[in-house]
Amino acid sequence: MSRLNSVWPERWVRRWANRSISLRLLLAVLVMIGLALPVAGTLLSHHYRASATQAFDERLGATLNVIMAGVTYDRIEQKLVHDRALGDPRFDNVYSGWYWQITDGEQHTLASRSLWDQRLPVIDSDTLSARSIPGPRGQSLRVVERDIYLAPLEAPLHISVAARDDVLARDIGEFQRLLWGGLVGLGVLLLGVLALQVRWGLAPLRRMHANLHDVEQGRAEQLNTRLPDELATLAASMNAVLARDQRLIERGRHTAGNLAHALKTPLSVMRLQLRQLPEANRDAWEVELERVDSAVRHHLARASAAGEGVRFAPIDLHATLAPLLNGLARLAQRRDIVLRQTWAGDIKVHMDGQDIQELVGNLMDNALRWAHSDVQLQLESDGQQLTLTVSDDGPGMNEAECQQAVQRGKRLDEQRSGSGLGLAIVTDLVALYSGQLHLSRASAGGLKVEVELPVVACNRRA
């Protein structure tokens, strides 16, 4: 049982750990209003009830004093007499709800005409007191009473003044309805105002989030620092990190290019020297030199690719590939190969231009090397990812050869001349852009290469 009790708070904390700041602030405000307003309403209602009841009792007490001043005892007739007019006709109307009574509890009793044949209950009280009692015909009365001594009577006289308290209850009820209605309206108003305040206060965070999305999509290079002081410092720090990462990427790509140029000449010299060796020793050295050349090209191509960790501004795919495809078209014409292109409209992608040219160039170069008379390039987009398909009518590959072709260091053309790394470079580029590569047999009998890349630029409405 104790284990379950300890797991529940942890689950609750994890559940609320990812809640939005707006929701947290609104819930905090809602809890505050839900606690503060009922407490305030209860206190105000209690205070008004006490004040209204006290004012009502004071009014009855003033009437009681007038009755006390006008009561006498007639020695001749031996009865109580009240000879002072109260100036309120309700004491003369039967069961009007306003009553007074003077009695010693025995033979001497004097009451207002409004009581008729009814009598008010009596309690002993030397001091002025107030209470609620049932009255004639089920009326609810508020009574103020006290005991006095009147000469020559030995027993004390109990004087009571009562009035219906339905007016008092109605006033208190009306006040409570207005009070709670006003508090509910105030709560709704406060919640709305605080919701607007939260939305206005968090607006810079939303702008910063949108700005980050633009940076991620390549539409902006840095964050806008025109923000409140607390966020401007954060944005400036993030801009510094972005700039540093960009410098490191560019430095790595330049270093890779410089290294490629530095290794190109020694490898060429070594190939020339191999030709001077005896033919018996030349084959083994050529195999090892080819392995070194392939490994160097593979790792340099991977290092110079900019896909991983970088979000580029959208580029027009047709304009980027046009120079490459024009050159390939001339090459295909010299080899009597028909090069067909299928474009599904204008496509913009978040890629480095050099990367997409190298990817398409490797695939098309392989297709032109192996094709007999036909090569087809198809590019289409579903709005989220780019699908690039290259197929030919060459000899093609079986399933085992397709799997082997994408392994590191393998080439698309093991028998024909050429210095390309084949599908190994293509595989690395596809992986860097979180894409997928599929090899299969084309309908024309050759090889079909299908590449899927989630790099299509989506048009956002302003």
Protein backbone atom coordinates (compact mmCIF):
# COMPACT_ATOMS: atom_id res chain seq x y z
CA MET A 1 0.00 0.00 0.00
CA SER A 2 2.83 2.39 0.87
CA ARG A 3 4.47 1.63 -2.49
CA LEU A 4 1.29 2.56 -4.33
CA ASN A 5 1.05 5.79 -2.34
CA SER A 6 4.60 6.69 -3.34
CA VAL A 7 4.08 5.84 -7.03
CA TRP A 8 0.93 7.99 -7.41
CA PRO A 9 2.64 11.36 -6.65
CA GLU A 10 5.46 10.44 -9.04
CA ARG A 11 2.99 9.73 -11.83
CA TRP A 12 1.17 12.98 -11.10
CA VAL A 13 4.42 14.94 -11.20
CA ARG A 14 5.47 13.33 -14.49
CA ARG A 15 2.03 13.98 -15.98
CA TRP A 16 2.19 17.69 -15.16
CA ALA A 17 5.88 18.11 -15.95
CA ASN A 18 5.16 18.72 -19.65
CA ARG A 19 2.07 20.88 -19.23
CA SER A 20 2.24 24.30 -20.87
CA ILE A 21 3.07 27.40 -18.85
CA SER A 22 -0.23 29.01 -19.89
CA LEU A 23 -2.21 26.07 -18.54
CA ARG A 24 -0.26 26.11 -15.27
CA LEU A 25 -0.81 29.83 -14.75
CA LEU A 26 -4.51 29.62 -15.60
CA LEU A 27 -4.99 26.67 -13.23
CA ALA A 28 -3.16 28.57 -10.48
CA VAL A 29 -5.41 31.60 -11.04
CA LEU A 30 -8.50 29.38 -11.10
CA VAL A 31 -7.53 27.77 -7.79
CA MET A 32 -6.82 31.17 -6.25
CA ILE A 33 -10.18 32.56 -7.38
CA GLY A 34 -11.97 29.38 -6.35
CA LEU A 35 -10.60 29.68 -2.83
CA ALA A 36 -10.50 33.45 -2.29
CA LEU A 37 -13.94 34.46 -3.56
CA PRO A 38 -15.98 31.87 -1.59
CA VAL A 39 -14.13 32.81 1.61
CA ALA A 40 -14.69 36.51 0.95
CA GLY A 41 -18.35 35.89 0.11
CA THR A 42 -18.92 33.90 3.29
CA LEU A 43 -17.32 36.57 5.48
CA LEU A 44 -19.25 39.41 3.82
CA SER A 45 -22.52 37.50 4.06
CA HIS A 46 -21.97 36.76 7.74
CA HIS A 47 -21.05 40.38 8.46
CA TYR A 48 -24.13 41.72 6.65
CA ARG A 49 -26.43 39.27 8.43
CA ALA A 50 -25.01 40.29 11.81
CA SER A 51 -25.24 44.00 11.00
CA ALA A 52 -28.79 43.78 9.63
CA THR A 53 -29.96 41.72 12.61
CA GLN A 54 -28.33 44.15 15.04
CA ALA A 55 -30.03 47.13 13.36
CA PHE A 56 -33.39 45.34 13.51
CA ASP A 57 -32.89 44.55 17.20
CA GLU A 58 -31.94 48.15 17.95
CA ARG A 59 -35.17 49.34 16.32
CA LEU A 60 -37.17 46.93 18.47
CA GLY A 61 -35.16 48.05 21.52
CA ALA A 62 -36.10 51.68 20.89
CA THR A 63 -39.79 50.70 20.78
CA LEU A 64 -39.28 48.73 24.00
CA ASN A 65 -37.95 51.85 25.73
CA VAL A 66 -41.04 53.83 24.67
CA ILE A 67 -43.32 51.12 26.07
CA MET A 68 -41.33 51.04 29.33
CA ALA A 69 -41.73 54.80 29.70
CA GLY A 70 -45.51 54.66 29.25
CA VAL A 71 -46.45 51.78 31.57
CA THR A 72 -48.01 52.53 35.03
CA TYR A 73 -49.93 50.70 37.68
CA ASP A 74 -53.44 51.92 38.59
CA ARG A 75 -53.77 51.40 42.38
CA ILE A 76 -57.49 51.99 42.35
CA GLU A 77 -58.36 49.52 39.64
CA GLN A 78 -55.27 47.42 40.42
CA LYS A 79 -54.22 46.88 36.83
CA LEU A 80 -51.47 47.84 34.43
CA VAL A 81 -52.03 50.87 32.24
CA HIS A 82 -50.16 52.04 29.15
CA ASP A 83 -51.04 55.62 28.29
CA ARG A 84 -48.42 56.53 25.63
CA ALA A 85 -49.15 56.20 21.90
CA LEU A 86 -46.49 54.40 19.89
CA GLY A 87 -47.40 56.08 16.62
CA ASP A 88 -47.41 52.80 14.68
CA PRO A 89 -50.84 51.53 13.53
CA ARG A 90 -49.46 47.99 13.05
CA PHE A 91 -49.66 47.46 16.81
CA ASP A 92 -53.45 48.00 16.52
CA ASN A 93 -54.12 45.65 13.57
CA VAL A 94 -54.84 42.07 14.61
CA TYR A 95 -52.01 39.67 13.79
CA SER A 96 -50.19 42.35 11.85
CA GLY A 97 -46.84 40.91 12.86
CA TRP A 98 -45.91 43.73 15.27
CA TYR A 99 -46.65 43.05 18.93
CA TRP A 100 -45.84 44.16 22.44
CA GLN A 101 -46.64 42.59 25.77
CA ILE A 102 -46.26 43.46 29.49
CA THR A 103 -46.81 40.77 32.10
CA ASP A 104 -45.76 39.74 35.57
CA GLY A 105 -46.44 36.11 34.74
CA GLU A 106 -49.48 35.93 37.01
CA GLN A 107 -52.55 38.18 37.08
CA HIS A 108 -51.23 41.37 35.55
CA THR A 109 -50.89 41.28 31.76
CA LEU A 110 -51.14 44.04 29.18
CA ALA A 111 -50.71 43.46 25.42
CA SER A 112 -51.09 45.28 22.13
CA ARG A 113 -54.38 44.92 20.24
CA SER A 114 -52.52 43.16 17.43
CA LEU A 115 -51.91 40.13 19.68
CA TRP A 116 -55.66 39.69 20.20
CA ASP A 117 -56.08 36.58 22.32
CA GLN A 118 -52.53 35.27 21.79
CA ARG A 119 -49.57 35.67 24.14
CA LEU A 120 -45.83 35.79 23.59
CA PRO A 121 -43.61 33.24 25.36
CA VAL A 122 -41.75 34.68 28.35
CA ILE A 123 -38.28 34.04 29.78
CA ASP A 124 -36.59 35.66 32.74
CA SER A 125 -34.02 38.22 31.65
CA ASP A 126 -32.71 41.07 33.81
CA THR A 127 -30.90 42.58 30.84
CA LEU A 128 -32.01 43.39 27.32
CA SER A 129 -31.96 40.27 25.13
CA ALA A 130 -33.07 39.31 21.63
CA ARG A 131 -34.13 36.01 20.14
CA SER A 132 -36.29 34.43 17.47
CA ILE A 133 -39.59 32.82 18.46
CA PRO A 134 -42.71 31.39 16.76
CA GLY A 135 -45.67 33.79 16.82
CA PRO A 136 -49.38 33.77 16.13
CA ARG A 137 -50.53 31.82 13.07
CA GLY A 138 -47.07 30.33 12.50
CA GLN A 139 -45.35 33.68 12.13
CA SER A 140 -41.60 33.83 12.69
CA LEU A 141 -40.87 36.69 15.10
CA ARG A 142 -37.84 38.51 16.35
CA VAL A 143 -38.40 39.57 19.97
CA VAL A 144 -36.52 41.97 22.24
CA GLU A 145 -37.35 41.69 25.94
CA ARG A 146 -36.29 42.45 29.50
CA ASP A 147 -37.53 42.52 33.10
CA ILE A 148 -38.26 45.75 35.05
CA TYR A 149 -39.56 46.55 38.53
CA LEU A 150 -42.58 48.81 38.83
CA ALA A 151 -43.83 50.13 42.21
CA PRO A 152 -45.86 49.06 44.07
CA LEU A 153 -45.61 45.59 42.43
CA GLU A 154 -43.30 43.16 44.08
CA ALA A 155 -42.93 40.79 41.10
CA PRO A 156 -40.93 42.02 38.09
CA LEU A 157 -42.68 42.92 34.87
CA HIS A 158 -41.51 41.28 31.66
CA ILE A 159 -41.78 43.60 28.67
CA SER A 160 -41.51 42.16 25.15
CA VAL A 161 -41.61 43.77 21.71
CA ALA A 162 -41.77 41.44 18.70
CA ALA A 163 -41.93 41.87 14.95
CA ARG A 164 -42.02 39.52 11.99
CA ASP A 165 -38.49 38.87 10.72
CA ASP A 166 -39.49 37.89 7.16
CA VAL A 167 -38.55 41.38 5.97
CA LEU A 168 -35.16 40.94 7.61
CA ALA A 169 -34.74 37.50 6.04
CA ARG A 170 -35.80 38.88 2.66
CA ASP A 171 -33.27 41.71 2.88
CA ILE A 172 -30.52 39.31 3.87
CA GLY A 173 -31.47 36.90 1.08
CA GLU A 174 -31.51 39.67 -1.51
CA PHE A 175 -28.11 40.86 -0.35
CA GLN A 176 -26.72 37.33 -0.58
CA ARG A 177 -28.05 36.87 -4.11
CA LEU A 178 -26.53 40.15 -5.21
CA LEU A 179 -23.31 39.33 -3.37
CA TRP A 180 -22.82 35.88 -4.86
CA GLY A 181 -23.89 37.04 -8.30
CA GLY A 182 -21.38 39.86 -8.10
CA LEU A 183 -18.63 37.54 -6.88
CA VAL A 184 -19.28 35.07 -9.70
CA GLY A 185 -19.18 37.90 -12.21
CA LEU A 186 -16.02 39.23 -10.59
CA GLY A 187 -14.46 35.76 -10.75
CA VAL A 188 -15.27 35.41 -14.45
CA LEU A 189 -13.94 38.91 -15.13
CA LEU A 190 -10.74 38.24 -13.18
CA LEU A 191 -10.24 34.93 -14.94
CA GLY A 192 -10.73 36.57 -18.34
CA VAL A 193 -8.42 39.49 -17.50
CA LEU A 194 -5.75 37.18 -16.10
CA ALA A 195 -6.09 34.90 -19.15
CA LEU A 196 -5.45 37.92 -21.37
CA GLN A 197 -2.55 38.90 -19.13
CA VAL A 198 -1.06 35.40 -19.38
CA ARG A 199 -1.46 35.42 -23.15
CA TRP A 200 0.08 38.88 -23.41
CA GLY A 201 2.88 37.98 -20.99
CA LEU A 202 3.78 34.79 -22.86
CA ALA A 203 3.55 36.38 -26.31
CA PRO A 204 7.37 36.83 -26.47
CA LEU A 205 7.80 33.10 -25.83
CA ARG A 206 5.42 32.30 -28.69
CA ARG A 207 7.34 34.67 -30.97
CA MET A 208 10.57 33.01 -29.92
CA HIS A 209 9.08 29.57 -30.63
CA ALA A 210 7.96 30.68 -34.10
CA ASN A 211 11.41 32.19 -34.69
CA LEU A 212 13.05 28.90 -33.67
CA HIS A 213 10.80 27.08 -36.14
CA ASP A 214 11.92 29.47 -38.89
CA VAL A 215 15.55 28.77 -38.01
CA GLU A 216 14.85 25.03 -38.04
CA GLN A 217 13.15 25.26 -41.43
CA GLY A 218 15.98 27.38 -42.83
CA ARG A 219 13.88 30.52 -43.28
CA ALA A 220 16.07 32.44 -40.81
CA GLU A 221 19.67 32.15 -39.73
CA GLN A 222 19.40 33.64 -36.24
CA LEU A 223 16.84 34.39 -33.55
CA ASN A 224 15.37 37.85 -33.23
CA THR A 225 16.74 39.49 -30.07
CA ARG A 226 14.05 42.19 -29.90
CA LEU A 227 12.53 40.51 -26.87
CA PRO A 228 12.13 41.27 -23.16
CA ASP A 229 15.38 41.36 -21.22
CA GLU A 230 14.92 37.89 -19.77
CA LEU A 231 14.53 36.34 -23.23
CA ALA A 232 16.84 38.64 -25.17
CA THR A 233 19.85 37.26 -23.27
CA LEU A 234 18.72 33.69 -23.98
CA ALA A 235 18.19 34.46 -27.67
CA ALA A 236 21.62 36.06 -27.92
CA SER A 237 23.23 33.00 -26.31
CA MET A 238 21.39 30.68 -28.70
CA ASN A 239 22.50 32.81 -31.65
CA ALA A 240 26.08 32.47 -30.46
CA VAL A 241 25.71 28.69 -30.32
CA LEU A 242 24.14 28.60 -33.79
CA ALA A 243 26.91 30.75 -35.22
CA ARG A 244 29.58 28.61 -33.59
CA ASP A 245 28.04 25.39 -34.91
CA GLN A 246 27.79 26.86 -38.39
CA ARG A 247 31.46 27.89 -38.24
CA LEU A 248 32.44 24.41 -37.10
CA ILE A 249 30.46 22.80 -39.93
CA GLU A 250 31.92 25.11 -42.54
CA ARG A 251 35.41 24.57 -41.12
CA GLY A 252 34.93 20.81 -41.27
CA ARG A 253 33.73 20.93 -44.86
CA HIS A 254 36.63 23.17 -45.90
CA THR A 255 39.05 20.87 -44.10
CA ALA A 256 37.57 17.86 -45.87
CA GLY A 257 37.93 19.60 -49.23
CA ASN A 258 41.51 20.61 -48.52
CA LEU A 259 42.30 17.07 -47.44
CA ALA A 260 40.78 15.72 -50.65
CA HIS A 261 43.02 17.99 -52.72
CA ALA A 262 46.04 17.12 -50.58
CA LEU A 263 45.54 13.36 -51.08
CA LYS A 264 44.64 13.53 -54.74
CA THR A 265 48.16 14.26 -55.96
CA PRO A 266 50.00 11.58 -53.87
CA LEU A 267 47.51 8.94 -54.99
CA SER A 268 47.98 9.93 -58.63
CA VAL A 269 51.75 9.74 -58.23
CA MET A 270 51.49 6.31 -56.64
CA ARG A 271 49.38 5.05 -59.58
CA LEU A 272 52.01 6.29 -62.04
CA GLN A 273 54.75 4.56 -60.06
CA LEU A 274 52.76 1.33 -60.01
CA ARG A 275 52.90 1.21 -63.79
CA GLN A 276 56.69 1.03 -63.57
CA LEU A 277 56.62 -2.04 -61.34
CA PRO A 278 56.81 -5.55 -62.75
CA GLU A 279 53.43 -6.88 -63.75
CA ALA A 280 53.68 -9.71 -61.22
CA ASN A 281 53.78 -7.24 -58.29
CA ARG A 282 51.50 -4.64 -59.83
CA ASP A 283 48.13 -6.38 -59.27
CA ALA A 284 48.47 -6.74 -55.49
CA TRP A 285 49.55 -3.11 -55.09
CA GLU A 286 46.75 -1.91 -57.33
CA VAL A 287 44.18 -3.71 -55.18
CA GLU A 288 45.52 -2.16 -51.96
CA LEU A 289 45.81 1.29 -53.53
CA GLU A 290 42.22 1.03 -54.76
CA ARG A 291 41.10 0.16 -51.23
CA VAL A 292 42.92 3.20 -49.86
CA ASP A 293 41.43 5.42 -52.58
CA SER A 294 37.91 4.12 -51.93
CA ALA A 295 38.21 4.52 -48.16
CA VAL A 296 39.54 8.08 -48.48
CA ARG A 297 36.82 9.11 -50.92
CA HIS A 298 34.12 7.50 -48.79
CA HIS A 299 35.09 9.28 -45.57
CA LEU A 300 35.73 12.59 -47.32
CA ALA A 301 32.34 12.44 -49.00
CA ARG A 302 30.69 11.75 -45.65
CA ALA A 303 32.60 14.54 -43.91
CA SER A 304 31.84 17.09 -46.62
CA ALA A 305 28.11 16.27 -46.73
CA ALA A 306 26.15 18.95 -44.87
CA GLY A 307 22.88 17.14 -44.27
CA GLU A 308 23.20 16.12 -40.64
CA GLY A 309 22.41 18.74 -37.99
CA VAL A 310 21.81 21.58 -40.50
CA ARG A 311 18.51 22.98 -41.74
CA PHE A 312 18.97 24.76 -45.05
CA ALA A 313 16.84 27.42 -46.63
CA PRO A 314 14.54 25.90 -49.29
CA ILE A 315 16.06 25.67 -52.77
CA ASP A 316 14.35 25.17 -56.11
CA LEU A 317 15.10 21.59 -57.08
CA HIS A 318 14.67 22.09 -60.83
CA ALA A 319 16.96 25.13 -60.93
CA THR A 320 19.58 23.36 -58.79
CA LEU A 321 19.67 20.19 -60.89
CA ALA A 322 19.31 21.88 -64.29
CA PRO A 323 23.09 22.29 -64.99
CA LEU A 324 23.80 18.71 -63.93
CA LEU A 325 20.96 17.23 -65.95
CA ASN A 326 21.91 19.24 -69.04
CA GLY A 327 25.42 17.76 -68.91
CA LEU A 328 24.05 14.26 -68.36
CA ALA A 329 21.65 14.72 -71.29
CA ARG A 330 24.58 15.51 -73.62
CA LEU A 331 26.44 12.46 -72.28
CA ALA A 332 23.39 10.26 -72.89
CA GLN A 333 23.05 11.62 -76.43
CA ARG A 334 26.66 10.67 -77.24
CA ARG A 335 25.96 7.13 -76.01
CA ASP A 336 22.67 6.88 -77.94
CA ILE A 337 20.66 6.63 -74.71
CA VAL A 338 17.27 8.24 -74.28
CA LEU A 339 17.17 10.23 -71.00
CA ARG A 340 13.59 10.89 -69.85
CA GLN A 341 12.69 13.24 -67.00
CA THR A 342 9.39 13.43 -65.12
CA TRP A 343 8.76 16.35 -62.76
CA ALA A 344 5.68 16.63 -60.54
CA GLY A 345 5.49 20.42 -60.51
CA ASP A 346 7.84 22.86 -58.80
CA ILE A 347 9.50 21.33 -55.75
CA LYS A 348 11.46 23.16 -53.06
CA VAL A 349 13.62 21.17 -50.65
CA HIS A 350 15.65 21.88 -47.50
CA MET A 351 18.98 20.53 -48.79
CA ASP A 352 22.43 21.71 -49.64
CA GLY A 353 22.69 22.16 -53.38
CA GLN A 354 25.99 20.26 -53.58
CA ASP A 355 24.48 17.30 -51.69
CA ILE A 356 21.46 16.88 -53.96
CA GLN A 357 23.64 17.28 -57.06
CA GLU A 358 26.05 14.63 -55.81
CA LEU A 359 23.22 12.26 -54.94
CA VAL A 360 21.46 12.60 -58.30
CA GLY A 361 24.75 12.67 -60.18
CA ASN A 362 25.93 9.35 -58.71
CA LEU A 363 22.61 7.64 -59.46
CA MET A 364 22.38 9.00 -63.00
CA ASP A 365 26.03 8.24 -63.74
CA ASN A 366 25.51 4.63 -62.72
CA ALA A 367 22.33 4.34 -64.80
CA LEU A 368 24.04 5.77 -67.90
CA ARG A 369 26.98 3.37 -67.50
CA TRP A 370 24.80 0.28 -67.44
CA ALA A 371 21.81 1.27 -69.60
CA HIS A 372 21.37 -0.06 -73.13
CA SER A 373 19.12 2.61 -74.56
CA ASP A 374 16.83 4.12 -71.89
CA VAL A 375 17.22 5.92 -68.54
CA GLN A 376 14.34 7.49 -66.66
CA LEU A 377 14.47 10.08 -63.83
CA GLN A 378 11.28 10.78 -61.89
CA LEU A 379 10.87 13.35 -59.09
CA GLU A 380 7.64 13.80 -57.17
CA SER A 381 6.47 15.10 -53.79
CA ASP A 382 3.49 14.43 -51.55
CA GLY A 383 3.97 17.71 -49.68
CA GLN A 384 6.16 16.21 -46.96
CA GLN A 385 8.84 14.07 -48.61
CA LEU A 386 10.68 13.94 -51.91
CA THR A 387 10.63 10.69 -53.91
CA LEU A 388 13.46 10.37 -56.45
CA THR A 389 13.43 7.36 -58.78
CA VAL A 390 16.14 6.42 -61.30
CA SER A 391 15.66 3.34 -63.51
CA ASP A 392 17.39 1.91 -66.59
CA ASP A 393 17.08 -0.97 -69.03
CA GLY A 394 20.45 -2.49 -68.23
CA PRO A 395 21.21 -5.96 -66.82
CA GLY A 396 19.95 -4.98 -63.34
CA MET A 397 20.69 -6.82 -60.08
CA ASN A 398 19.17 -9.63 -58.13
CA GLU A 399 18.16 -9.23 -54.48
CA ALA A 400 21.51 -10.33 -53.07
CA GLU A 401 23.40 -7.97 -55.38
CA CYS A 402 21.10 -5.09 -54.36
CA GLN A 403 21.96 -5.63 -50.70
CA GLN A 404 25.67 -5.92 -51.46
CA ALA A 405 25.70 -2.78 -53.62
CA VAL A 406 24.87 -0.47 -50.72
CA GLN A 407 27.58 -1.84 -48.43
CA ARG A 408 30.46 0.42 -47.51
CA GLY A 409 33.19 0.54 -50.15
CA LYS A 410 31.19 -1.19 -52.88
CA ARG A 411 30.84 0.36 -56.31
CA LEU A 412 28.01 0.37 -58.75
CA ASP A 413 30.38 -0.71 -61.49
CA GLU A 414 32.98 -3.26 -60.49
CA GLN A 415 33.85 -4.09 -64.10
CA ARG A 416 33.69 -0.81 -65.97
CA SER A 417 36.14 2.06 -65.63
CA GLY A 418 35.39 4.94 -63.35
CA SER A 419 36.38 6.49 -60.03
CA GLY A 420 32.97 6.97 -58.35
CA LEU A 421 32.17 5.38 -55.02
CA GLY A 422 28.74 4.32 -56.26
CA LEU A 423 25.90 3.73 -53.93
CA ALA A 424 28.08 4.01 -50.80
CA ILE A 425 28.13 7.81 -51.13
CA VAL A 426 24.44 7.84 -52.02
CA THR A 427 23.67 5.70 -48.97
CA ASP A 428 25.58 8.09 -46.69
CA LEU A 429 23.80 11.13 -48.09
CA VAL A 430 20.39 9.49 -47.74
CA ALA A 431 21.19 8.55 -44.12
CA LEU A 432 22.39 12.08 -43.32
CA TYR A 433 19.04 13.47 -44.43
CA SER A 434 17.07 10.77 -42.55
CA GLY A 435 15.83 9.24 -45.79
CA GLN A 436 15.40 5.74 -47.17
CA LEU A 437 17.02 3.96 -50.13
CA HIS A 438 15.42 1.06 -52.01
CA LEU A 439 16.95 -1.05 -54.83
CA SER A 440 14.80 -3.28 -57.02
CA ARG A 441 14.36 -4.47 -60.61
CA ALA A 442 12.89 -1.93 -63.01
CA SER A 443 10.01 -2.68 -65.34
CA ALA A 444 12.42 -2.35 -68.28
CA GLY A 445 14.61 -5.07 -66.77
CA GLY A 446 17.40 -2.91 -65.33
CA LEU A 447 18.04 -1.45 -61.90
CA LYS A 448 15.50 0.77 -60.15
CA VAL A 449 16.78 3.04 -57.36
CA GLU A 450 14.16 4.80 -55.23
CA VAL A 451 15.16 7.45 -52.69
CA GLU A 452 12.74 8.99 -50.17
CA LEU A 453 13.85 12.17 -48.37
CA PRO A 454 11.76 14.13 -45.80
CA VAL A 455 13.12 17.48 -46.98
CA VAL A 456 10.24 19.06 -48.90
CA ALA A 457 9.60 22.68 -47.94
CA CYS A 458 6.00 23.32 -46.82
CA ASN A 459 4.45 26.66 -47.68
CA ARG A 460 3.15 28.39 -44.52
CA ARG A 461 0.42 30.97 -44.65
CA ALA A 462 1.31 34.36 -43.32
